[in-house]
Amino acid sequence: MNTLSGFNKFNILGPQMRSFFFSILFVLCTFLSFSQNKDARTNALGGCGLTQTTVWSNFSNQAGLANISEFTFGLCSENQFLLSELNRHTAACAIPVNGGVIGVNLNYFGFDLYNETKIGLAFGKQLSKSFNIGVQLDYLGTYVNESTNNLHNFTF
């Protein structure tokens, strides 16, 4: 008699716990969607883009925008695991102005039944030759088709 036969059918977790487990896994994957870097240089460095001073600093280090001296624009579209439900579309721009650099970034993840939107307005300023400062105001929106509790938040 095999005493472990009940474990071969993924019965360790009950139906409620199984749905909770997959919900947590899905939420963690969507958190990663906003934290991923968009440019090839940062991905080549293993995702460490904090020292980069490109338009993609809008997402990881807003102080890096301060070293941009001309208008810069970037677009990114990514299809993860060949699933259209995991598409991510991103746009970012850096606009030098008197006193600093203004950055605008848009990030859309998902599909028509579930999606996440992030819109950011950043500002980077060079205080000295080796010290920059940056700040960003973000709008975060989550839409679920059959939910009446769609989330809309502002953060900085």
Protein backbone atom coordinates (compact mmCIF):
# COMPACT_ATOMS: atom_id res chain seq x y z
CA MET A 1 0.00 0.00 0.00
CA ASN A 2 1.35 3.38 -1.01
CA THR A 3 0.87 5.93 1.79
CA LEU A 4 2.06 8.85 -0.36
CA SER A 5 -0.51 8.40 -3.14
CA GLY A 6 -2.60 11.33 -1.84
CA PHE A 7 0.34 13.69 -2.30
CA ASN A 8 0.78 12.88 -5.97
CA LYS A 9 -2.33 14.84 -6.96
CA PHE A 10 -1.32 18.25 -5.53
CA ASN A 11 -3.73 17.73 -2.64
CA ILE A 12 -1.33 19.14 -0.07
CA LEU A 13 -3.03 22.53 -0.41
CA GLY A 14 -6.78 22.77 -0.13
CA PRO A 15 -8.80 24.62 -2.81
CA GLN A 16 -8.85 27.90 -0.85
CA MET A 17 -5.17 27.75 -0.03
CA ARG A 18 -4.33 26.86 -3.62
CA SER A 19 -6.17 29.93 -4.96
CA PHE A 20 -4.48 32.09 -2.30
CA PHE A 21 -1.07 30.71 -3.31
CA PHE A 22 -1.62 31.47 -7.00
CA SER A 23 -2.99 34.94 -6.17
CA ILE A 24 0.14 35.77 -4.20
CA LEU A 25 2.31 34.42 -7.03
CA PHE A 26 0.42 36.58 -9.56
CA VAL A 27 0.78 39.72 -7.42
CA LEU A 28 4.52 39.13 -7.04
CA CYS A 29 4.88 38.75 -10.80
CA THR A 30 3.06 42.02 -11.42
CA PHE A 31 5.27 43.82 -8.89
CA LEU A 32 8.21 42.65 -10.94
CA SER A 33 6.63 44.14 -14.04
CA PHE A 34 7.14 47.67 -12.71
CA SER A 35 10.61 47.05 -11.33
CA GLN A 36 12.15 45.60 -14.50
CA ASN A 37 14.61 47.74 -16.40
CA LYS A 38 13.83 48.67 -19.96
CA ASP A 39 17.19 49.22 -21.63
CA ALA A 40 19.68 46.68 -22.92
CA ARG A 41 22.64 48.16 -21.05
CA THR A 42 20.96 47.75 -17.66
CA ASN A 43 19.79 44.24 -18.50
CA ALA A 44 23.35 43.35 -19.55
CA LEU A 45 24.55 44.49 -16.11
CA GLY A 46 22.16 42.08 -14.41
CA GLY A 47 19.41 44.64 -13.81
CA CYS A 48 21.64 47.09 -11.93
CA GLY A 49 20.78 50.41 -13.54
CA LEU A 50 21.13 52.75 -10.59
CA THR A 51 24.29 54.37 -11.91
CA GLN A 52 23.01 54.87 -15.46
CA THR A 53 22.25 58.40 -16.63
CA THR A 54 19.86 57.70 -19.50
CA VAL A 55 16.19 58.35 -20.13
CA TRP A 56 15.47 55.04 -18.37
CA SER A 57 16.56 56.65 -15.10
CA ASN A 58 12.89 57.69 -14.94
CA PHE A 59 12.18 54.21 -13.55
CA SER A 60 15.13 53.40 -11.31
CA ASN A 61 17.05 56.54 -10.28
CA GLN A 62 15.49 59.90 -10.94
CA ALA A 63 18.67 61.72 -9.89
CA GLY A 64 20.34 60.21 -12.96
CA LEU A 65 18.14 62.41 -15.13
CA ALA A 66 20.15 65.47 -14.02
CA ASN A 67 23.07 64.52 -16.30
CA ILE A 68 20.97 64.52 -19.49
CA SER A 69 21.71 67.60 -21.57
CA GLU A 70 19.29 67.24 -24.51
CA PHE A 71 15.72 66.08 -25.13
CA THR A 72 15.62 62.28 -25.02
CA PHE A 73 12.76 59.88 -25.74
CA GLY A 74 12.53 56.12 -25.35
CA LEU A 75 9.94 53.47 -26.26
CA CYS A 76 9.80 49.86 -25.14
CA SER A 77 7.38 47.04 -25.85
CA GLU A 78 7.91 43.64 -24.30
CA ASN A 79 6.08 40.35 -24.70
CA GLN A 80 7.04 38.06 -21.82
CA PHE A 81 6.86 34.29 -22.33
CA LEU A 82 5.01 34.80 -25.66
CA LEU A 83 1.76 35.54 -23.79
CA SER A 84 -0.19 38.58 -24.92
CA GLU A 85 -1.61 38.88 -21.39
CA LEU A 86 1.89 39.72 -20.10
CA ASN A 87 2.60 42.51 -22.60
CA ARG A 88 4.27 45.64 -21.27
CA HIS A 89 4.45 48.94 -23.11
CA THR A 90 6.63 51.76 -21.84
CA ALA A 91 7.47 55.30 -22.88
CA ALA A 92 9.84 57.72 -21.21
CA CYS A 93 11.21 61.15 -22.01
CA ALA A 94 13.64 63.57 -20.43
CA ILE A 95 13.30 67.31 -21.02
CA PRO A 96 16.15 69.60 -19.89
CA VAL A 97 14.90 72.89 -18.46
CA ASN A 98 16.54 75.71 -16.56
CA GLY A 99 17.50 74.31 -13.19
CA GLY A 100 17.22 70.59 -13.94
CA VAL A 101 15.64 67.89 -16.05
CA ILE A 102 11.95 66.93 -16.13
CA GLY A 103 11.18 63.29 -16.80
CA VAL A 104 7.83 61.82 -17.86
CA ASN A 105 7.22 58.07 -17.94
CA LEU A 106 4.29 55.83 -18.83
CA ASN A 107 4.06 52.10 -18.18
CA TYR A 108 1.16 49.82 -19.16
CA PHE A 109 1.08 46.14 -18.23
CA GLY A 110 -1.67 43.60 -18.93
CA PHE A 111 -4.62 43.17 -21.26
CA ASP A 112 -8.28 44.26 -21.48
CA LEU A 113 -9.52 42.19 -18.48
CA TYR A 114 -6.67 43.07 -16.12
CA ASN A 115 -4.12 45.84 -16.47
CA GLU A 116 -1.86 48.10 -14.48
CA THR A 117 -0.93 51.65 -15.39
CA LYS A 118 1.84 53.80 -13.99
CA ILE A 119 2.33 57.43 -14.94
CA GLY A 120 5.27 59.26 -13.43
CA LEU A 121 6.48 62.85 -13.41
CA ALA A 122 10.10 63.16 -12.27
CA PHE A 123 12.59 65.95 -11.69
CA GLY A 124 16.35 65.61 -11.43
CA LYS A 125 18.74 68.39 -10.44
CA GLN A 126 22.52 68.51 -10.28
CA LEU A 127 23.59 70.09 -6.97
CA SER A 128 27.34 69.70 -7.49
CA LYS A 129 29.68 67.95 -9.91
CA SER A 130 29.28 64.62 -8.11
CA PHE A 131 25.90 64.97 -6.35
CA ASN A 132 22.44 64.86 -7.95
CA ILE A 133 19.00 64.78 -6.41
CA GLY A 134 15.74 63.49 -7.85
CA VAL A 135 12.09 63.15 -6.96
CA GLN A 136 9.10 61.58 -8.69
CA LEU A 137 5.31 61.76 -8.36
CA ASP A 138 3.50 58.61 -9.52
CA TYR A 139 -0.06 57.67 -10.41
CA LEU A 140 -0.72 53.93 -10.05
CA GLY A 141 -3.88 52.36 -11.41
CA THR A 142 -5.08 48.77 -11.38
CA TYR A 143 -8.10 47.71 -13.42
CA VAL A 144 -9.93 44.38 -13.09
CA ASN A 145 -12.83 43.89 -15.51
CA GLU A 146 -15.32 42.26 -13.13
CA SER A 147 -14.36 44.23 -10.05
CA THR A 148 -15.93 47.40 -8.72
CA ASN A 149 -12.89 48.05 -6.53
CA ASN A 150 -10.42 49.21 -9.15
CA LEU A 151 -7.50 50.90 -7.46
CA HIS A 152 -6.17 54.40 -8.17
CA ASN A 153 -3.37 55.81 -6.01
CA PHE A 154 -0.81 58.58 -6.00
CA THR A 155 2.61 58.19 -4.46
CA PHE A 156 6.04 59.79 -4.63
